[in-house]
């Protein structure tokens, strides 16, 4: 099972790497989490360079995709080569999620038509201008599309993906591992308060 975190030039480390870390707490034998980039390397907004683990084309065939955020998302959505590839994203056959300004990518791809979204405060006006209602909350999902707003909401997206693909117990184990010592029960409970209303009932796996 392949989960790809789309990561572009100028990416926000918290948005891509927190999700990567939480997702990698799952130790199923077929579980694979990758950073998918347009080129061989990308540099973050703070100068952190990471190498490509998967191409964008490979990401579009993944079981789940999280579109990461960064300072150059408006340039991303204006790049015809990138957007041409990303038009293969399809919530009818995969989970598609976006962190912060990643919501703008989903909006421009037409994947948020009629679906409200969460995003960061800087990106909000651009997402609204794209015709999408922006919610004042950290997480929202409808069927196979989810968005999160605020860097530290990225673990909500990761937990949603794990729940949908591996079940709630696997997601709870991952959240419990990364939660601060002395706050684990509270931390996990808060995550479920934000995620549970947007899970199918009962919450089935995607496959």
N, C-alpha and C. Protein backbone atom coordinates (compact mmCIF):
# COMPACT_ATOMS: atom_id res chain seq x y z
N UNK A 1 0.84 -1.19 0.00
CA UNK A 1 0.00 0.00 0.00
C UNK A 1 0.88 1.24 0.00
N UNK A 2 0.66 2.15 -0.91
CA UNK A 2 1.53 3.30 -1.11
C UNK A 2 0.81 4.59 -0.72
N UNK A 3 1.44 5.36 0.16
CA UNK A 3 0.93 6.68 0.54
C UNK A 3 1.99 7.69 0.14
N UNK A 4 1.61 8.67 -0.67
CA UNK A 4 2.56 9.66 -1.18
C UNK A 4 2.26 11.03 -0.60
N UNK A 5 3.30 11.72 -0.18
CA UNK A 5 3.18 13.10 0.30
C UNK A 5 3.79 14.01 -0.76
N UNK A 6 2.94 14.72 -1.49
CA UNK A 6 3.44 15.61 -2.54
C UNK A 6 4.16 16.79 -1.90
N UNK A 7 5.39 17.02 -2.34
CA UNK A 7 6.26 18.00 -1.70
C UNK A 7 6.96 18.80 -2.79
N UNK A 8 6.75 20.11 -2.77
CA UNK A 8 7.22 20.97 -3.84
C UNK A 8 8.32 21.91 -3.34
N UNK A 9 8.96 22.58 -4.28
CA UNK A 9 9.97 23.58 -3.93
C UNK A 9 9.35 24.60 -2.98
N UNK A 10 10.13 24.96 -1.93
CA UNK A 10 9.63 25.90 -0.94
C UNK A 10 8.68 25.26 0.05
N UNK A 11 8.73 23.93 0.18
CA UNK A 11 7.78 23.22 1.03
C UNK A 11 7.95 23.59 2.51
N UNK A 12 6.87 23.41 3.24
CA UNK A 12 6.86 23.60 4.69
C UNK A 12 7.22 22.26 5.34
N UNK A 13 8.31 22.24 6.09
CA UNK A 13 8.78 20.98 6.68
C UNK A 13 7.74 20.34 7.59
N UNK A 14 7.05 21.15 8.38
CA UNK A 14 6.06 20.60 9.30
C UNK A 14 4.94 19.90 8.55
N UNK A 15 4.54 20.47 7.44
CA UNK A 15 3.40 19.91 6.71
C UNK A 15 3.73 18.58 6.06
N UNK A 16 4.89 18.46 5.47
CA UNK A 16 5.25 17.20 4.81
C UNK A 16 5.83 16.17 5.78
N UNK A 17 6.70 16.60 6.69
CA UNK A 17 7.48 15.63 7.45
C UNK A 17 6.78 15.13 8.70
N UNK A 18 5.88 15.93 9.29
CA UNK A 18 5.08 15.39 10.40
C UNK A 18 4.18 14.28 9.87
N UNK A 19 3.51 14.55 8.75
CA UNK A 19 2.66 13.51 8.16
C UNK A 19 3.49 12.27 7.83
N UNK A 20 4.66 12.47 7.24
CA UNK A 20 5.54 11.34 6.90
C UNK A 20 5.89 10.54 8.15
N UNK A 21 6.24 11.22 9.23
CA UNK A 21 6.63 10.53 10.46
C UNK A 21 5.50 9.75 11.09
N UNK A 22 4.31 10.35 11.15
CA UNK A 22 3.16 9.65 11.74
C UNK A 22 2.77 8.46 10.88
N UNK A 23 2.71 8.67 9.58
CA UNK A 23 2.33 7.57 8.67
C UNK A 23 3.30 6.40 8.77
N UNK A 24 4.56 6.68 9.00
CA UNK A 24 5.56 5.62 9.07
C UNK A 24 5.56 4.87 10.39
N UNK A 25 4.67 5.24 11.33
CA UNK A 25 4.51 4.43 12.54
C UNK A 25 3.79 3.13 12.23
N UNK A 26 3.11 3.06 11.09
CA UNK A 26 2.46 1.82 10.67
C UNK A 26 3.53 0.87 10.14
N UNK A 27 3.52 -0.36 10.62
CA UNK A 27 4.58 -1.31 10.26
C UNK A 27 4.05 -2.50 9.46
N UNK A 28 2.90 -2.32 8.80
CA UNK A 28 2.39 -3.38 7.94
C UNK A 28 3.40 -3.67 6.84
N UNK A 29 3.49 -4.93 6.43
CA UNK A 29 4.56 -5.33 5.53
C UNK A 29 4.47 -4.67 4.15
N UNK A 30 3.25 -4.30 3.74
CA UNK A 30 3.08 -3.70 2.41
C UNK A 30 2.88 -2.19 2.47
N UNK A 31 3.19 -1.60 3.61
CA UNK A 31 2.94 -0.17 3.84
C UNK A 31 4.16 0.63 3.41
N UNK A 32 3.98 1.56 2.48
CA UNK A 32 5.11 2.35 1.97
C UNK A 32 4.70 3.81 1.90
N UNK A 33 5.50 4.68 2.51
CA UNK A 33 5.23 6.12 2.52
C UNK A 33 6.38 6.83 1.82
N UNK A 34 6.06 7.68 0.87
CA UNK A 34 7.11 8.36 0.11
C UNK A 34 6.88 9.86 0.05
N UNK A 35 7.96 10.57 -0.13
CA UNK A 35 7.92 11.98 -0.50
C UNK A 35 7.98 12.03 -2.02
N UNK A 36 6.93 12.57 -2.63
CA UNK A 36 6.86 12.65 -4.10
C UNK A 36 7.12 14.08 -4.52
N UNK A 37 8.06 14.26 -5.43
CA UNK A 37 8.50 15.60 -5.83
C UNK A 37 8.54 15.72 -7.35
N UNK A 38 8.51 16.95 -7.86
CA UNK A 38 8.59 17.14 -9.31
C UNK A 38 9.96 16.81 -9.89
N UNK A 39 11.00 16.97 -9.08
CA UNK A 39 12.36 16.72 -9.56
C UNK A 39 13.15 15.91 -8.56
N UNK A 40 14.44 15.80 -8.80
CA UNK A 40 15.29 14.94 -7.97
C UNK A 40 15.40 15.43 -6.53
N UNK A 41 15.33 16.74 -6.32
CA UNK A 41 15.45 17.32 -4.98
C UNK A 41 14.53 18.53 -4.87
N UNK A 42 14.10 18.82 -3.65
CA UNK A 42 13.39 20.07 -3.37
C UNK A 42 13.97 20.67 -2.11
N UNK A 43 13.91 22.00 -2.03
CA UNK A 43 14.42 22.73 -0.88
C UNK A 43 13.27 23.40 -0.16
N UNK A 44 13.24 23.26 1.15
CA UNK A 44 12.14 23.81 1.94
C UNK A 44 12.24 25.32 2.07
N UNK A 45 11.22 25.90 2.66
CA UNK A 45 11.19 27.34 2.90
C UNK A 45 12.29 27.76 3.87
N UNK A 46 12.86 26.80 4.60
CA UNK A 46 13.94 27.09 5.54
C UNK A 46 15.27 26.46 5.13
N UNK A 47 15.35 26.00 3.87
CA UNK A 47 16.62 25.52 3.34
C UNK A 47 16.92 24.05 3.53
N UNK A 48 15.92 23.26 3.95
CA UNK A 48 16.14 21.82 4.14
C UNK A 48 15.93 21.10 2.80
N UNK A 49 16.96 20.43 2.35
CA UNK A 49 16.92 19.75 1.05
C UNK A 49 16.59 18.27 1.26
N UNK A 50 15.59 17.77 0.52
CA UNK A 50 15.30 16.34 0.56
C UNK A 50 15.26 15.79 -0.86
N UNK A 51 15.55 14.51 -0.95
CA UNK A 51 15.59 13.86 -2.25
C UNK A 51 14.26 13.18 -2.56
N UNK A 52 14.00 13.08 -3.84
CA UNK A 52 12.79 12.44 -4.32
C UNK A 52 12.77 10.96 -3.95
N UNK A 53 11.62 10.52 -3.41
CA UNK A 53 11.40 9.10 -3.15
C UNK A 53 10.43 8.50 -4.16
N UNK A 54 9.61 9.36 -4.76
CA UNK A 54 8.66 8.92 -5.78
C UNK A 54 8.40 10.10 -6.71
N UNK A 55 8.06 9.81 -7.94
CA UNK A 55 7.70 10.86 -8.89
C UNK A 55 6.25 11.26 -8.68
N UNK A 56 5.86 12.37 -9.26
CA UNK A 56 4.46 12.78 -9.20
C UNK A 56 3.57 11.77 -9.93
N UNK A 57 4.09 11.22 -11.01
CA UNK A 57 3.32 10.21 -11.75
C UNK A 57 3.06 8.99 -10.87
N UNK A 58 4.07 8.56 -10.12
CA UNK A 58 3.88 7.42 -9.22
C UNK A 58 2.89 7.76 -8.12
N UNK A 59 2.96 9.00 -7.64
CA UNK A 59 2.04 9.42 -6.59
C UNK A 59 0.59 9.34 -7.04
N UNK A 60 0.34 9.64 -8.29
CA UNK A 60 -1.03 9.64 -8.80
C UNK A 60 -1.62 8.25 -8.86
N UNK A 61 -0.81 7.22 -8.72
CA UNK A 61 -1.30 5.85 -8.68
C UNK A 61 -1.34 5.30 -7.26
N UNK A 62 -0.98 6.12 -6.27
CA UNK A 62 -0.91 5.66 -4.89
C UNK A 62 -2.30 5.40 -4.32
N UNK A 63 -2.34 4.66 -3.21
CA UNK A 63 -3.60 4.42 -2.53
C UNK A 63 -4.10 5.67 -1.80
N UNK A 64 -3.17 6.50 -1.38
CA UNK A 64 -3.52 7.77 -0.73
C UNK A 64 -2.46 8.81 -1.06
N UNK A 65 -2.91 10.05 -1.21
CA UNK A 65 -2.02 11.16 -1.56
C UNK A 65 -2.32 12.32 -0.64
N UNK A 66 -1.28 12.88 -0.02
CA UNK A 66 -1.41 14.13 0.73
C UNK A 66 -0.65 15.20 -0.02
N UNK A 67 -1.33 16.26 -0.39
CA UNK A 67 -0.69 17.39 -1.07
C UNK A 67 -0.15 18.33 0.00
N UNK A 68 1.16 18.42 0.08
CA UNK A 68 1.79 19.26 1.09
C UNK A 68 1.69 20.74 0.76
N UNK A 69 2.15 21.53 1.70
CA UNK A 69 2.04 22.99 1.61
C UNK A 69 3.42 23.62 1.48
N UNK A 70 3.45 24.91 1.18
CA UNK A 70 4.71 25.61 1.07
C UNK A 70 4.51 27.05 0.63
N UNK A 71 5.61 27.75 0.47
CA UNK A 71 5.53 29.17 0.14
C UNK A 71 5.36 29.43 -1.35
N UNK A 72 5.42 28.37 -2.17
CA UNK A 72 5.35 28.56 -3.62
C UNK A 72 4.16 27.83 -4.24
N UNK A 73 3.09 27.61 -3.46
CA UNK A 73 1.96 26.86 -3.98
C UNK A 73 1.27 27.58 -5.13
N UNK A 74 1.23 28.90 -5.09
CA UNK A 74 0.62 29.62 -6.21
C UNK A 74 1.41 29.42 -7.50
N UNK A 75 2.73 29.28 -7.37
CA UNK A 75 3.54 28.97 -8.54
C UNK A 75 3.28 27.54 -9.02
N UNK A 76 3.06 26.63 -8.08
CA UNK A 76 2.77 25.24 -8.44
C UNK A 76 1.51 25.16 -9.29
N UNK A 77 0.45 25.84 -8.85
CA UNK A 77 -0.82 25.73 -9.59
C UNK A 77 -0.78 26.46 -10.92
N UNK A 78 0.24 27.28 -11.13
CA UNK A 78 0.42 27.95 -12.42
C UNK A 78 1.39 27.20 -13.32
N UNK A 79 1.91 26.08 -12.85
CA UNK A 79 2.86 25.30 -13.63
C UNK A 79 2.09 24.24 -14.42
N UNK A 80 1.95 24.40 -15.73
CA UNK A 80 1.13 23.46 -16.51
C UNK A 80 1.65 22.04 -16.50
N UNK A 81 2.96 21.87 -16.42
CA UNK A 81 3.53 20.51 -16.43
C UNK A 81 3.14 19.76 -15.16
N UNK A 82 3.26 20.43 -14.02
CA UNK A 82 2.88 19.79 -12.76
C UNK A 82 1.38 19.50 -12.72
N UNK A 83 0.58 20.49 -13.07
CA UNK A 83 -0.87 20.33 -12.98
C UNK A 83 -1.38 19.29 -13.96
N UNK A 84 -0.72 19.16 -15.09
CA UNK A 84 -1.13 18.14 -16.07
C UNK A 84 -0.99 16.74 -15.46
N UNK A 85 0.09 16.52 -14.74
CA UNK A 85 0.30 15.22 -14.09
C UNK A 85 -0.73 15.01 -12.98
N UNK A 86 -0.96 16.05 -12.18
CA UNK A 86 -1.83 15.91 -11.02
C UNK A 86 -3.30 15.75 -11.39
N UNK A 87 -3.64 15.99 -12.64
CA UNK A 87 -5.03 15.77 -13.06
C UNK A 87 -5.41 14.29 -13.04
N UNK A 88 -4.42 13.43 -12.84
CA UNK A 88 -4.71 12.00 -12.72
C UNK A 88 -5.13 11.62 -11.30
N UNK A 89 -5.04 12.55 -10.34
CA UNK A 89 -5.56 12.26 -9.00
C UNK A 89 -7.05 12.00 -9.09
N UNK A 90 -7.53 10.98 -8.40
CA UNK A 90 -8.93 10.56 -8.57
C UNK A 90 -9.49 10.01 -7.26
N UNK A 91 -10.31 10.81 -6.55
CA UNK A 91 -10.87 10.34 -5.27
C UNK A 91 -11.80 9.14 -5.40
N UNK A 92 -12.19 8.77 -6.60
CA UNK A 92 -13.02 7.58 -6.74
C UNK A 92 -12.23 6.29 -6.54
N UNK A 93 -10.88 6.40 -6.61
CA UNK A 93 -10.06 5.20 -6.46
C UNK A 93 -8.93 5.35 -5.46
N UNK A 94 -8.82 6.54 -4.85
CA UNK A 94 -7.74 6.76 -3.88
C UNK A 94 -8.18 7.84 -2.90
N UNK A 95 -7.55 7.86 -1.73
CA UNK A 95 -7.74 8.96 -0.79
C UNK A 95 -6.92 10.14 -1.27
N UNK A 96 -7.51 11.33 -1.25
CA UNK A 96 -6.81 12.55 -1.67
C UNK A 96 -6.97 13.58 -0.56
N UNK A 97 -5.86 14.06 -0.04
CA UNK A 97 -5.90 15.00 1.07
C UNK A 97 -4.96 16.16 0.80
N UNK A 98 -5.19 17.26 1.50
CA UNK A 98 -4.33 18.43 1.32
C UNK A 98 -4.09 19.10 2.66
N UNK A 99 -2.85 19.53 2.86
CA UNK A 99 -2.45 20.25 4.05
C UNK A 99 -2.26 21.72 3.71
N UNK A 100 -2.90 22.60 4.45
CA UNK A 100 -2.77 24.05 4.31
C UNK A 100 -2.91 24.49 2.85
N UNK A 101 -1.86 25.06 2.24
CA UNK A 101 -2.01 25.59 0.89
C UNK A 101 -2.18 24.50 -0.15
N UNK A 102 -1.99 23.24 0.24
CA UNK A 102 -2.32 22.15 -0.66
C UNK A 102 -3.77 22.18 -1.09
N UNK A 103 -4.63 22.79 -0.27
CA UNK A 103 -6.04 22.92 -0.64
C UNK A 103 -6.21 23.73 -1.92
N UNK A 104 -5.31 24.66 -2.16
CA UNK A 104 -5.38 25.44 -3.39
C UNK A 104 -5.14 24.54 -4.60
N UNK A 105 -4.24 23.59 -4.46
CA UNK A 105 -3.99 22.64 -5.55
C UNK A 105 -5.25 21.83 -5.84
N UNK A 106 -5.89 21.32 -4.79
CA UNK A 106 -7.12 20.55 -4.99
C UNK A 106 -8.21 21.41 -5.61
N UNK A 107 -8.29 22.67 -5.18
CA UNK A 107 -9.31 23.57 -5.74
C UNK A 107 -9.08 23.78 -7.23
N UNK A 108 -7.84 24.03 -7.61
CA UNK A 108 -7.53 24.27 -9.03
C UNK A 108 -7.72 23.02 -9.88
N UNK A 109 -7.62 21.85 -9.24
CA UNK A 109 -7.85 20.59 -9.97
C UNK A 109 -9.34 20.24 -10.06
N UNK A 110 -10.17 21.04 -9.41
CA UNK A 110 -11.61 20.78 -9.42
C UNK A 110 -12.03 19.68 -8.47
N UNK A 111 -11.17 19.32 -7.51
CA UNK A 111 -11.49 18.24 -6.59
C UNK A 111 -12.24 18.70 -5.35
N UNK A 112 -12.45 20.01 -5.23
CA UNK A 112 -13.20 20.55 -4.10
C UNK A 112 -14.53 21.15 -4.54
N UNK A 113 -14.99 20.81 -5.71
CA UNK A 113 -16.27 21.34 -6.18
C UNK A 113 -17.39 20.89 -5.24
N UNK A 114 -18.01 21.85 -4.57
CA UNK A 114 -19.08 21.55 -3.63
C UNK A 114 -18.61 21.03 -2.29
N UNK A 115 -17.30 21.00 -2.07
CA UNK A 115 -16.75 20.49 -0.81
C UNK A 115 -16.03 21.64 -0.09
N UNK A 116 -16.42 21.98 1.12
CA UNK A 116 -15.68 23.01 1.86
C UNK A 116 -14.32 22.49 2.25
N UNK A 117 -13.43 23.40 2.62
CA UNK A 117 -12.05 23.00 2.89
C UNK A 117 -11.49 23.73 4.10
N UNK A 118 -10.44 23.15 4.65
CA UNK A 118 -9.63 23.79 5.68
C UNK A 118 -8.28 24.16 5.05
N UNK A 119 -7.76 25.29 5.47
CA UNK A 119 -6.45 25.71 4.98
C UNK A 119 -5.85 26.69 5.98
N UNK A 120 -4.67 27.18 5.71
CA UNK A 120 -4.04 28.15 6.60
C UNK A 120 -4.58 29.55 6.31
N UNK A 121 -4.33 30.47 7.22
CA UNK A 121 -4.91 31.80 7.10
C UNK A 121 -4.35 32.59 5.93
N UNK A 122 -3.08 32.37 5.57
CA UNK A 122 -2.50 33.08 4.44
C UNK A 122 -3.13 32.61 3.14
N UNK A 123 -3.35 31.30 3.02
CA UNK A 123 -3.88 30.74 1.78
C UNK A 123 -5.38 30.95 1.64
N UNK A 124 -6.07 31.19 2.73
CA UNK A 124 -7.53 31.27 2.71
C UNK A 124 -8.08 32.15 1.60
N UNK A 125 -7.60 33.39 1.41
CA UNK A 125 -8.19 34.23 0.36
C UNK A 125 -8.05 33.62 -1.04
N UNK A 126 -6.95 32.92 -1.30
CA UNK A 126 -6.75 32.32 -2.62
C UNK A 126 -7.71 31.15 -2.84
N UNK A 127 -7.95 30.37 -1.79
CA UNK A 127 -8.87 29.25 -1.91
C UNK A 127 -10.30 29.76 -2.07
N UNK A 128 -10.63 30.80 -1.34
CA UNK A 128 -11.96 31.42 -1.48
C UNK A 128 -12.13 31.96 -2.90
N UNK A 129 -11.08 32.60 -3.41
CA UNK A 129 -11.15 33.14 -4.78
C UNK A 129 -11.31 32.05 -5.82
N UNK A 130 -10.88 30.83 -5.47
CA UNK A 130 -11.04 29.69 -6.38
C UNK A 130 -12.44 29.08 -6.29
N UNK A 131 -13.29 29.69 -5.46
CA UNK A 131 -14.68 29.26 -5.38
C UNK A 131 -14.98 28.22 -4.33
N UNK A 132 -14.08 28.08 -3.34
CA UNK A 132 -14.25 27.07 -2.31
C UNK A 132 -14.55 27.73 -0.97
N UNK A 133 -15.53 27.21 -0.25
CA UNK A 133 -15.81 27.69 1.10
C UNK A 133 -14.71 27.21 2.04
N UNK A 134 -14.15 28.12 2.83
CA UNK A 134 -13.10 27.77 3.78
C UNK A 134 -13.68 27.77 5.19
N UNK A 135 -13.46 26.69 5.91
CA UNK A 135 -14.00 26.50 7.24
C UNK A 135 -13.02 26.97 8.31
N UNK A 136 -13.56 27.42 9.42
CA UNK A 136 -12.73 27.85 10.55
C UNK A 136 -12.56 26.66 11.50
N UNK A 137 -11.86 25.65 11.05
CA UNK A 137 -11.60 24.45 11.84
C UNK A 137 -10.38 23.75 11.27
N UNK A 138 -9.79 22.81 12.03
CA UNK A 138 -8.51 22.25 11.60
C UNK A 138 -8.61 21.12 10.59
N UNK A 139 -9.78 20.44 10.51
CA UNK A 139 -9.88 19.26 9.66
C UNK A 139 -11.30 19.10 9.14
N UNK A 140 -11.38 18.64 7.88
CA UNK A 140 -12.68 18.33 7.29
C UNK A 140 -12.47 17.26 6.23
N UNK A 141 -13.39 16.34 6.15
CA UNK A 141 -13.33 15.32 5.10
C UNK A 141 -14.73 15.02 4.61
N UNK A 142 -14.81 14.71 3.34
CA UNK A 142 -16.05 14.20 2.76
C UNK A 142 -15.68 13.04 1.83
N UNK A 143 -16.21 11.87 2.15
CA UNK A 143 -15.89 10.67 1.40
C UNK A 143 -14.37 10.49 1.34
N UNK A 144 -13.76 10.53 0.17
CA UNK A 144 -12.32 10.25 0.05
C UNK A 144 -11.46 11.50 -0.10
N UNK A 145 -12.01 12.68 0.23
CA UNK A 145 -11.26 13.94 0.13
C UNK A 145 -11.19 14.58 1.51
N UNK A 146 -9.99 14.98 1.93
CA UNK A 146 -9.81 15.61 3.24
C UNK A 146 -8.86 16.79 3.13
N UNK A 147 -9.05 17.77 4.01
CA UNK A 147 -8.15 18.91 4.09
C UNK A 147 -7.90 19.24 5.55
N UNK A 148 -6.74 19.85 5.82
CA UNK A 148 -6.40 20.29 7.17
C UNK A 148 -5.78 21.67 7.10
N UNK A 149 -6.03 22.47 8.11
CA UNK A 149 -5.50 23.82 8.15
C UNK A 149 -4.64 24.05 9.39
N UNK A 150 -3.45 24.59 9.19
CA UNK A 150 -2.51 24.81 10.28
C UNK A 150 -1.48 23.69 10.31
N UNK A 151 -0.21 24.06 10.39
CA UNK A 151 0.87 23.05 10.30
C UNK A 151 0.67 21.90 11.27
N UNK A 152 0.28 22.21 12.50
CA UNK A 152 0.18 21.17 13.51
C UNK A 152 -1.13 20.40 13.44
N UNK A 153 -1.88 20.61 12.36
CA UNK A 153 -3.04 19.74 12.08
C UNK A 153 -2.65 18.61 11.14
N UNK A 154 -1.39 18.55 10.75
CA UNK A 154 -0.98 17.54 9.77
C UNK A 154 -1.13 16.12 10.31
N UNK A 155 -1.05 15.94 11.63
CA UNK A 155 -1.25 14.59 12.17
C UNK A 155 -2.70 14.14 12.03
N UNK A 156 -3.64 15.09 11.91
CA UNK A 156 -5.02 14.71 11.66
C UNK A 156 -5.16 14.05 10.29
N UNK A 157 -4.51 14.63 9.29
CA UNK A 157 -4.55 14.03 7.96
C UNK A 157 -3.92 12.64 7.99
N UNK A 158 -2.78 12.52 8.66
CA UNK A 158 -2.10 11.22 8.73
C UNK A 158 -2.99 10.19 9.42
N UNK A 159 -3.62 10.58 10.51
CA UNK A 159 -4.48 9.65 11.24
C UNK A 159 -5.70 9.26 10.42
N UNK A 160 -6.24 10.20 9.68
CA UNK A 160 -7.39 9.90 8.80
C UNK A 160 -6.99 8.88 7.75
N UNK A 161 -5.83 9.08 7.13
CA UNK A 161 -5.35 8.14 6.11
C UNK A 161 -5.16 6.76 6.72
N UNK A 162 -4.50 6.70 7.88
CA UNK A 162 -4.26 5.40 8.50
C UNK A 162 -5.57 4.71 8.86
N UNK A 163 -6.51 5.48 9.40
CA UNK A 163 -7.80 4.90 9.77
C UNK A 163 -8.51 4.32 8.56
N UNK A 164 -8.49 5.06 7.46
CA UNK A 164 -9.19 4.59 6.26
C UNK A 164 -8.52 3.37 5.63
N UNK A 165 -7.19 3.27 5.77
CA UNK A 165 -6.48 2.19 5.10
C UNK A 165 -6.15 1.00 6.00
N UNK A 166 -5.98 1.28 7.32
CA UNK A 166 -5.55 0.22 8.23
C UNK A 166 -6.45 0.06 9.45
N UNK A 167 -7.37 0.99 9.65
CA UNK A 167 -8.27 0.88 10.79
C UNK A 167 -7.89 1.81 11.93
N UNK A 168 -8.86 2.00 12.83
CA UNK A 168 -8.69 2.96 13.92
C UNK A 168 -7.59 2.56 14.89
N UNK A 169 -7.47 1.27 15.18
CA UNK A 169 -6.44 0.85 16.15
C UNK A 169 -5.04 1.24 15.67
N UNK A 170 -4.77 1.07 14.39
CA UNK A 170 -3.45 1.42 13.85
C UNK A 170 -3.22 2.92 13.94
N UNK A 171 -4.27 3.71 13.67
CA UNK A 171 -4.14 5.17 13.77
C UNK A 171 -3.93 5.60 15.21
N UNK A 172 -4.65 4.98 16.13
CA UNK A 172 -4.50 5.35 17.54
C UNK A 172 -3.11 5.01 18.04
N UNK A 173 -2.57 3.88 17.62
CA UNK A 173 -1.20 3.52 18.01
C UNK A 173 -0.20 4.56 17.49
N UNK A 174 -0.38 5.00 16.25
CA UNK A 174 0.53 5.99 15.67
C UNK A 174 0.44 7.31 16.41
N UNK A 175 -0.78 7.75 16.69
CA UNK A 175 -0.96 9.02 17.41
C UNK A 175 -0.39 8.94 18.82
N UNK A 176 -0.65 7.83 19.48
CA UNK A 176 -0.17 7.67 20.85
C UNK A 176 1.35 7.72 20.90
N UNK A 177 1.99 7.15 19.91
CA UNK A 177 3.46 7.14 19.88
C UNK A 177 4.03 8.55 19.80
N UNK A 178 3.45 9.39 18.94
CA UNK A 178 4.02 10.72 18.72
C UNK A 178 3.54 11.76 19.71
N UNK A 179 2.50 11.46 20.47
CA UNK A 179 1.93 12.43 21.40
C UNK A 179 2.91 12.74 22.53
N UNK A 180 2.86 13.97 23.07
CA UNK A 180 3.75 14.33 24.17
C UNK A 180 3.52 13.45 25.40
N UNK A 181 4.60 13.11 26.06
CA UNK A 181 4.52 12.34 27.29
C UNK A 181 3.74 13.14 28.34
N UNK A 182 2.85 12.46 29.02
CA UNK A 182 2.01 13.12 30.02
C UNK A 182 0.76 13.73 29.45
N UNK A 183 0.66 13.75 28.10
CA UNK A 183 -0.52 14.33 27.45
C UNK A 183 -1.12 13.37 26.43
N UNK A 184 -0.67 12.13 26.44
CA UNK A 184 -1.03 11.21 25.37
C UNK A 184 -2.54 10.97 25.29
N UNK A 185 -3.18 10.73 26.41
CA UNK A 185 -4.62 10.47 26.40
C UNK A 185 -5.38 11.67 25.87
N UNK A 186 -5.03 12.86 26.37
CA UNK A 186 -5.69 14.09 25.93
C UNK A 186 -5.43 14.37 24.45
N UNK A 187 -4.20 14.15 24.03
CA UNK A 187 -3.80 14.43 22.65
C UNK A 187 -4.55 13.54 21.67
N UNK A 188 -4.59 12.24 21.98
CA UNK A 188 -5.29 11.30 21.10
C UNK A 188 -6.78 11.57 21.09
N UNK A 189 -7.35 11.87 22.26
CA UNK A 189 -8.79 12.16 22.33
C UNK A 189 -9.15 13.38 21.50
N UNK A 190 -8.31 14.41 21.54
CA UNK A 190 -8.58 15.61 20.74
C UNK A 190 -8.52 15.31 19.26
N UNK A 191 -7.57 14.48 18.87
CA UNK A 191 -7.48 14.10 17.45
C UNK A 191 -8.76 13.39 17.01
N UNK A 192 -9.24 12.45 17.82
CA UNK A 192 -10.46 11.74 17.44
C UNK A 192 -11.67 12.65 17.41
N UNK A 193 -11.71 13.65 18.29
CA UNK A 193 -12.84 14.60 18.25
C UNK A 193 -12.89 15.33 16.92
N UNK A 194 -11.73 15.61 16.35
CA UNK A 194 -11.67 16.33 15.08
C UNK A 194 -11.88 15.43 13.88
N UNK A 195 -11.47 14.16 13.98
CA UNK A 195 -11.51 13.26 12.83
C UNK A 195 -12.81 12.47 12.74
N UNK A 196 -13.28 11.96 13.87
CA UNK A 196 -14.40 11.01 13.87
C UNK A 196 -15.65 11.50 13.15
N UNK A 197 -16.05 12.77 13.28
CA UNK A 197 -17.28 13.19 12.59
C UNK A 197 -17.21 13.05 11.07
N UNK A 198 -16.02 12.91 10.52
CA UNK A 198 -15.84 12.89 9.07
C UNK A 198 -15.41 11.52 8.55
N UNK A 199 -15.53 10.50 9.41
CA UNK A 199 -15.27 9.14 8.98
C UNK A 199 -16.56 8.48 8.56
N UNK A 200 -16.53 7.61 7.55
CA UNK A 200 -17.72 6.81 7.24
C UNK A 200 -18.12 6.01 8.47
N UNK A 201 -19.38 5.76 8.64
CA UNK A 201 -19.86 5.02 9.81
C UNK A 201 -20.59 3.75 9.39
N UNK A 202 -20.08 2.58 9.76
CA UNK A 202 -18.78 2.37 10.41
C UNK A 202 -17.65 2.69 9.45
N UNK A 203 -16.45 3.00 10.01
CA UNK A 203 -15.34 3.46 9.18
C UNK A 203 -14.71 2.29 8.43
N UNK A 204 -15.02 2.13 7.15
CA UNK A 204 -14.43 1.03 6.39
C UNK A 204 -13.03 1.40 5.90
N UNK A 205 -12.25 0.39 5.57
CA UNK A 205 -11.01 0.67 4.86
C UNK A 205 -11.33 0.94 3.41
N UNK A 206 -10.44 1.61 2.72
CA UNK A 206 -10.68 1.98 1.32
C UNK A 206 -10.68 0.78 0.43
N UNK A 207 -9.85 -0.22 0.76
CA UNK A 207 -9.72 -1.38 -0.11
C UNK A 207 -10.25 -2.62 0.57
